[in-house]
PDB file of N, CA and C in Angstrom:
ATOM      1  N   MET A   1     112.102  98.457  87.777  1.00  0.00           N
ATOM      2  CA  MET A   1     111.414  97.222  87.649  1.00  0.00           C
ATOM      3  C   MET A   1     110.472  97.212  88.720  1.00  0.00           C
ATOM      4  N   ASN A   2     109.242  96.923  88.410  1.00  0.00           N
ATOM      5  CA  ASN A   2     108.206  96.840  89.484  1.00  0.00           C
ATOM      6  C   ASN A   2     107.780  95.252  89.412  1.00  0.00           C
ATOM      7  N   GLY A   3     107.271  94.892  90.551  1.00  0.00           N
ATOM      8  CA  GLY A   3     106.770  93.510  90.763  1.00  0.00           C
ATOM      9  C   GLY A   3     107.851  92.430  90.912  1.00  0.00           C
ATOM     10  N   LEU A   4     109.084  92.823  91.457  1.00  0.00           N
ATOM     11  CA  LEU A   4     110.079  91.878  91.706  1.00  0.00           C
ATOM     12  C   LEU A   4     109.737  91.130  92.951  1.00  0.00           C
ATOM     13  N   GLN A   5     109.968  89.770  93.007  1.00  0.00           N
ATOM     14  CA  GLN A   5     109.660  89.004  94.255  1.00  0.00           C
ATOM     15  C   GLN A   5     110.996  88.186  94.520  1.00  0.00           C
ATOM     16  N   ILE A   6     111.466  88.221  95.807  1.00  0.00           N
ATOM     17  CA  ILE A   6     112.684  87.608  96.172  1.00  0.00           C
ATOM     18  C   ILE A   6     112.542  86.112  96.056  1.00  0.00           C
ATOM     19  N   ILE A   7     113.386  85.429  95.553  1.00  0.00           N
ATOM     20  CA  ILE A   7     113.424  83.983  95.496  1.00  0.00           C
ATOM     21  C   ILE A   7     114.607  83.340  95.992  1.00  0.00           C
ATOM     22  N   ALA A   8     115.783  84.222  96.160  1.00  0.00           N
ATOM     23  CA  ALA A   8     117.002  83.751  96.776  1.00  0.00           C
ATOM     24  C   ALA A   8     117.695  84.792  97.319  1.00  0.00           C
ATOM     25  N   GLY A   9     118.412  84.610  98.275  1.00  0.00           N
ATOM     26  CA  GLY A   9     119.333  85.699  98.939  1.00  0.00           C
ATOM     27  C   GLY A   9     118.394  86.598  99.704  1.00  0.00           C
ATOM     28  N   GLY A  10     118.709  87.927  99.545  1.00  0.00           N
ATOM     29  CA  GLY A  10     117.922  88.994 100.159  1.00  0.00           C
ATOM     30  C   GLY A  10     118.253  89.426 101.463  1.00  0.00           C
ATOM     31  N   PRO A  11     117.477  90.173 102.066  1.00  0.00           N
ATOM     32  CA  PRO A  11     117.902  90.875 103.263  1.00  0.00           C
ATOM     33  C   PRO A  11     118.123  89.716 104.390  1.00  0.00           C
ATOM     34  N   CYS A  12     119.200  89.950 105.175  1.00  0.00           N
ATOM     35  CA  CYS A  12     119.417  89.028 106.197  1.00  0.00           C
ATOM     36  C   CYS A  12     118.417  88.909 107.238  1.00  0.00           C
ATOM     37  N   ARG A  13     118.148  87.954 107.784  1.00  0.00           N
ATOM     38  CA  ARG A  13     117.130  87.818 108.716  1.00  0.00           C
ATOM     39  C   ARG A  13     117.424  88.244 110.126  1.00  0.00           C
ATOM     40  N   SER A  14     118.706  88.332 110.398  1.00  0.00           N
ATOM     41  CA  SER A  14     119.090  88.887 111.852  1.00  0.00           C
ATOM     42  C   SER A  14     120.457  89.408 111.667  1.00  0.00           C
ATOM     43  N   ASP A  15     120.907  90.325 112.707  1.00  0.00           N
ATOM     44  CA  ASP A  15     122.202  90.840 112.588  1.00  0.00           C
ATOM     45  C   ASP A  15     123.332  89.762 112.711  1.00  0.00           C
ATOM     46  N   GLU A  16     123.082  88.605 113.473  1.00  0.00           N
ATOM     47  CA  GLU A  16     124.079  87.641 113.371  1.00  0.00           C
ATOM     48  C   GLU A  16     124.165  86.969 111.948  1.00  0.00           C
ATOM     49  N   ASP A  17     123.158  86.969 111.136  1.00  0.00           N
ATOM     50  CA  ASP A  17     123.137  86.358 109.739  1.00  0.00           C
ATOM     51  C   ASP A  17     123.680  87.330 108.783  1.00  0.00           C
ATOM     52  N   ASP A  18     123.984  88.590 109.098  1.00  0.00           N
ATOM     53  CA  ASP A  18     124.268  89.578 108.128  1.00  0.00           C
ATOM     54  C   ASP A  18     125.737  89.392 107.453  1.00  0.00           C
ATOM     55  N   LYS A  19     125.885  88.742 106.441  1.00  0.00           N
ATOM     56  CA  LYS A  19     127.109  88.358 105.919  1.00  0.00           C
ATOM     57  C   LYS A  19     127.742  89.491 105.010  1.00  0.00           C
ATOM     58  N   CYS A  20     126.844  90.343 104.637  1.00  0.00           N
ATOM     59  CA  CYS A  20     127.120  91.423 103.781  1.00  0.00           C
ATOM     60  C   CYS A  20     127.491  92.811 104.546  1.00  0.00           C
ATOM     61  N   GLY A  21     127.199  92.933 105.901  1.00  0.00           N
ATOM     62  CA  GLY A  21     127.482  93.853 106.605  1.00  0.00           C
ATOM     63  C   GLY A  21     126.547  95.038 106.598  1.00  0.00           C
ATOM     64  N   ASN A  22     125.515  94.928 105.788  1.00  0.00           N
ATOM     65  CA  ASN A  22     124.545  96.137 105.774  1.00  0.00           C
ATOM     66  C   ASN A  22     123.135  95.606 105.523  1.00  0.00           C
ATOM     67  N   GLY A  23     122.866  94.257 105.577  1.00  0.00           N
ATOM     68  CA  GLY A  23     121.437  93.796 105.521  1.00  0.00           C
ATOM     69  C   GLY A  23     120.993  93.725 104.162  1.00  0.00           C
ATOM     70  N   ASP A  24     121.616  94.162 103.106  1.00  0.00           N
ATOM     71  CA  ASP A  24     121.131  94.241 101.758  1.00  0.00           C
ATOM     72  C   ASP A  24     122.081  93.372 100.947  1.00  0.00           C
ATOM     73  N   CYS A  25     121.754  91.997 100.990  1.00  0.00           N
ATOM     74  CA  CYS A  25     122.703  91.089 100.335  1.00  0.00           C
ATOM     75  C   CYS A  25     122.376  90.752  98.918  1.00  0.00           C
ATOM     76  N   PRO A  26     123.206  90.050  98.103  1.00  0.00           N
ATOM     77  CA  PRO A  26     122.942  89.555  96.822  1.00  0.00           C
ATOM     78  C   PRO A  26     121.728  88.964  96.817  1.00  0.00           C
ATOM     79  N   THR A  27     120.885  89.177  95.802  1.00  0.00           N
ATOM     80  CA  THR A  27     119.491  88.706  95.776  1.00  0.00           C
ATOM     81  C   THR A  27     119.181  88.375  94.279  1.00  0.00           C
ATOM     82  N   VAL A  28     118.317  87.235  94.302  1.00  0.00           N
ATOM     83  CA  VAL A  28     117.787  86.920  93.004  1.00  0.00           C
ATOM     84  C   VAL A  28     116.186  87.151  93.111  1.00  0.00           C
ATOM     85  N   TYR A  29     115.600  87.750  92.003  1.00  0.00           N
ATOM     86  CA  TYR A  29     114.288  88.021  91.985  1.00  0.00           C
ATOM     87  C   TYR A  29     113.669  87.313  90.789  1.00  0.00           C
ATOM     88  N   MET A  30     112.292  86.947  91.162  1.00  0.00           N
ATOM     89  CA  MET A  30     111.392  86.600  90.030  1.00  0.00           C
ATOM     90  C   MET A  30     110.776  87.880  89.447  1.00  0.00           C
ATOM     91  N   THR A  31     110.704  87.929  88.182  1.00  0.00           N
ATOM     92  CA  THR A  31     110.020  89.093  87.552  1.00  0.00           C
ATOM     93  C   THR A  31     108.657  88.763  86.840  1.00  0.00           C
ATOM     94  N   PRO A  32     107.924  89.810  86.616  1.00  0.00           N
ATOM     95  CA  PRO A  32     106.644  89.398  85.971  1.00  0.00           C
ATOM     96  C   PRO A  32     106.825  89.018  84.467  1.00  0.00           C
ATOM     97  N   GLU A  33     107.998  89.279  83.965  1.00  0.00           N
ATOM     98  CA  GLU A  33     108.363  88.808  82.616  1.00  0.00           C
ATOM     99  C   GLU A  33     108.586  87.350  82.461  1.00  0.00           C
ATOM    100  N   PRO A  34     107.833  86.647  81.666  1.00  0.00           N
ATOM    101  CA  PRO A  34     108.041  85.215  81.600  1.00  0.00           C
ATOM    102  C   PRO A  34     109.489  84.783  81.245  1.00  0.00           C
ATOM    103  N   GLY A  35     110.150  83.747  81.986  1.00  0.00           N
ATOM    104  CA  GLY A  35     111.437  83.466  81.681  1.00  0.00           C
ATOM    105  C   GLY A  35     112.538  84.245  82.175  1.00  0.00           C
ATOM    106  N   MET A  36     112.279  85.403  82.812  1.00  0.00           N
ATOM    107  CA  MET A  36     113.348  86.359  83.343  1.00  0.00           C
ATOM    108  C   MET A  36     113.463  86.294  84.740  1.00  0.00           C
ATOM    109  N   ILE A  37     114.725  86.494  85.251  1.00  0.00           N
ATOM    110  CA  ILE A  37     114.914  86.689  86.593  1.00  0.00           C
ATOM    111  C   ILE A  37     115.822  87.935  86.717  1.00  0.00           C
ATOM    112  N   ALA A  38     115.810  88.612  87.912  1.00  0.00           N
ATOM    113  CA  ALA A  38     116.708  89.763  88.066  1.00  0.00           C
ATOM    114  C   ALA A  38     117.647  89.452  89.182  1.00  0.00           C
ATOM    115  N   VAL A  39     118.967  89.977  89.108  1.00  0.00           N
ATOM    116  CA  VAL A  39     119.833  89.804  90.170  1.00  0.00           C
ATOM    117  C   VAL A  39     120.368  91.053  90.621  1.00  0.00           C
ATOM    118  N   GLN A  40     120.633  91.055  91.945  1.00  0.00           N
ATOM    119  CA  GLN A  40     121.303  92.175  92.628  1.00  0.00           C
ATOM    120  C   GLN A  40     122.562  91.492  93.163  1.00  0.00           C
ATOM    121  N   GLY A  41     123.824  92.039  92.906  1.00  0.00           N
ATOM    122  CA  GLY A  41     124.953  91.559  93.320  1.00  0.00           C
ATOM    123  C   GLY A  41     126.076  92.603  93.401  1.00  0.00           C
ATOM    124  N   TYR A  42     127.334  92.038  93.467  1.00  0.00           N
ATOM    125  CA  TYR A  42     128.594  92.857  93.490  1.00  0.00           C
ATOM    126  C   TYR A  42     128.874  93.396  92.189  1.00  0.00           C
ATOM    127  N   GLU A  43     129.325  94.499  92.008  1.00  0.00           N
ATOM    128  CA  GLU A  43     129.815  95.115  90.751  1.00  0.00           C
ATOM    129  C   GLU A  43     130.890  94.280  90.132  1.00  0.00           C
ATOM    130  N   ALA A  44     130.912  94.062  88.887  1.00  0.00           N
ATOM    131  CA  ALA A  44     132.101  93.451  88.309  1.00  0.00           C
ATOM    132  C   ALA A  44     132.754  94.380  87.269  1.00  0.00           C
ATOM    133  N   ALA A  45     134.043  94.384  87.335  1.00  0.00           N
ATOM    134  CA  ALA A  45     134.655  95.241  86.274  1.00  0.00           C
ATOM    135  C   ALA A  45     134.793  94.593  84.936  1.00  0.00           C
ATOM    136  N   HIS A  46     133.668  94.870  84.127  1.00  0.00           N
ATOM    137  CA  HIS A  46     133.607  94.311  82.691  1.00  0.00           C
ATOM    138  C   HIS A  46     132.771  95.272  81.801  1.00  0.00           C
ATOM    139  N   PRO A  47     133.145  95.672  80.670  1.00  0.00           N
ATOM    140  CA  PRO A  47     132.409  96.531  79.874  1.00  0.00           C
ATOM    141  C   PRO A  47     131.146  95.927  79.529  1.00  0.00           C
ATOM    142  N   THR A  48     130.074  96.621  79.454  1.00  0.00           N
ATOM    143  CA  THR A  48     128.850  96.337  79.039  1.00  0.00           C
ATOM    144  C   THR A  48     128.152  97.444  78.227  1.00  0.00           C
ATOM    145  N   PRO A  49     127.092  97.076  77.350  1.00  0.00           N
ATOM    146  CA  PRO A  49     126.339  97.978  76.466  1.00  0.00           C
ATOM    147  C   PRO A  49     125.628  98.956  77.594  1.00  0.00           C
ATOM    148  N   GLU A  50     125.264 100.040  77.145  1.00  0.00           N
ATOM    149  CA  GLU A  50     124.456 101.054  77.969  1.00  0.00           C
ATOM    150  C   GLU A  50     123.094 100.282  78.435  1.00  0.00           C
ATOM    151  N   GLY A  51     122.895 100.472  79.662  1.00  0.00           N
ATOM    152  CA  GLY A  51     121.604  99.897  80.309  1.00  0.00           C
ATOM    153  C   GLY A  51     121.787  98.499  80.820  1.00  0.00           C
ATOM    154  N   GLU A  52     123.095  97.897  80.600  1.00  0.00           N
ATOM    155  CA  GLU A  52     123.284  96.635  81.115  1.00  0.00           C
ATOM    156  C   GLU A  52     124.285  96.550  82.003  1.00  0.00           C
ATOM    157  N   SER A  53     124.421  95.528  82.993  1.00  0.00           N
ATOM    158  CA  SER A  53     125.399  95.312  84.094  1.00  0.00           C
ATOM    159  C   SER A  53     125.906  93.983  84.091  1.00  0.00           C
ATOM    160  N   VAL A  54     126.959  93.665  84.684  1.00  0.00           N
ATOM    161  CA  VAL A  54     127.449  92.366  85.015  1.00  0.00           C
ATOM    162  C   VAL A  54     127.539  92.482  86.509  1.00  0.00           C
ATOM    163  N   VAL A  55     126.943  91.473  87.138  1.00  0.00           N
ATOM    164  CA  VAL A  55     127.171  91.414  88.664  1.00  0.00           C
ATOM    165  C   VAL A  55     127.627  90.094  89.128  1.00  0.00           C
ATOM    166  N   LEU A  56     128.237  90.002  90.204  1.00  0.00           N
ATOM    167  CA  LEU A  56     128.628  88.855  90.873  1.00  0.00           C
ATOM    168  C   LEU A  56     127.748  88.492  92.024  1.00  0.00           C
ATOM    169  N   ILE A  57     127.266  87.246  92.152  1.00  0.00           N
ATOM    170  CA  ILE A  57     126.542  86.909  93.206  1.00  0.00           C
ATOM    171  C   ILE A  57     127.016  85.612  93.645  1.00  0.00           C
ATOM    172  N   PRO A  58     126.965  85.281  94.920  1.00  0.00           N
ATOM    173  CA  PRO A  58     127.409  83.874  95.459  1.00  0.00           C
ATOM    174  C   PRO A  58     126.700  82.699  94.811  1.00  0.00           C
ATOM    175  N   GLU A  59     127.451  81.600  94.451  1.00  0.00           N
ATOM    176  CA  GLU A  59     126.884  80.436  93.792  1.00  0.00           C
ATOM    177  C   GLU A  59     125.769  79.917  94.661  1.00  0.00           C
ATOM    178  N   ASP A  60     125.808  79.904  95.917  1.00  0.00           N
ATOM    179  CA  ASP A  60     124.681  79.393  96.842  1.00  0.00           C
ATOM    180  C   ASP A  60     123.462  80.131  96.713  1.00  0.00           C
ATOM    181  N   VAL A  61     123.404  81.257  96.342  1.00  0.00           N
ATOM    182  CA  VAL A  61     122.336  82.150  96.051  1.00  0.00           C
ATOM    183  C   VAL A  61     121.651  81.697  94.784  1.00  0.00           C
ATOM    184  N   LEU A  62     122.401  81.447  93.764  1.00  0.00           N
ATOM    185  CA  LEU A  62     121.926  80.885  92.421  1.00  0.00           C
ATOM    186  C   LEU A  62     121.187  79.550  92.593  1.00  0.00           C
ATOM    187  N   ARG A  63     121.918  78.720  93.447  1.00  0.00           N
ATOM    188  CA  ARG A  63     121.412  77.259  93.631  1.00  0.00           C
ATOM    189  C   ARG A  63     119.971  77.434  94.329  1.00  0.00           C
ATOM    190  N   GLU A  64     120.005  78.423  95.275  1.00  0.00           N
ATOM    191  CA  GLU A  64     118.704  78.563  96.003  1.00  0.00           C
ATOM    192  C   GLU A  64     117.581  79.047  95.101  1.00  0.00           C
ATOM    193  N   ALA A  65     117.989  79.998  94.139  1.00  0.00           N
ATOM    194  CA  ALA A  65     116.988  80.592  93.119  1.00  0.00           C
ATOM    195  C   ALA A  65     116.541  79.418  92.237  1.00  0.00           C
ATOM    196  N   ALA A  66     117.440  78.572  91.848  1.00  0.00           N
ATOM    197  CA  ALA A  66     117.099  77.366  90.974  1.00  0.00           C
ATOM    198  C   ALA A  66     116.024  76.470  91.612  1.00  0.00           C
ATOM    199  N   ARG A  67     116.336  76.190  93.000  1.00  0.00           N
ATOM    200  CA  ARG A  67     115.479  75.223  93.593  1.00  0.00           C
ATOM    201  C   ARG A  67     114.016  76.048  93.808  1.00  0.00           C
ATOM    202  N   ALA A  68     114.033  77.214  94.145  1.00  0.00           N
ATOM    203  CA  ALA A  68     112.810  78.130  94.296  1.00  0.00           C
ATOM    204  C   ALA A  68     111.958  78.052  92.989  1.00  0.00           C
ATOM    205  N   ARG A  69     112.527  78.005  91.923  1.00  0.00           N
ATOM    206  CA  ARG A  69     111.964  77.965  90.489  1.00  0.00           C
ATOM    207  C   ARG A  69     111.709  76.589  90.087  1.00  0.00           C
ATOM    208  N   GLY A  70     112.112  75.467  90.815  1.00  0.00           N
ATOM    209  CA  GLY A  70     111.892  74.114  90.474  1.00  0.00           C
ATOM    210  C   GLY A  70     112.815  73.574  89.407  1.00  0.00           C
ATOM    211  N   TRP A  71     113.956  74.421  89.129  1.00  0.00           N
ATOM    212  CA  TRP A  71     114.869  74.070  88.127  1.00  0.00           C
ATOM    213  C   TRP A  71     115.905  73.051  88.560  1.00  0.00           C
ATOM    214  N   TYR A  72     116.090  72.800  89.811  1.00  0.00           N
ATOM    215  CA  TYR A  72     117.264  72.201  90.282  1.00  0.00           C
ATOM    216  C   TYR A  72     116.792  71.148  91.318  1.00  0.00           C
TER     217      TYR A  72
END
């Protein structure tokens, strides 16, 4: 996917803020496709169709994304 813009979560801003341990945290992205968002998160053990995934991201990251989009 090209053209993703971080709207919540994302790289930690400092070593002290790195809750993920590697600086690449759960993230919510705005996409070029109207009405769509993309998420990066923790893998969830759940069967899905080919090409799809279920990921777990912290609730506060979703709230941050909703505020960034003006939905909350």
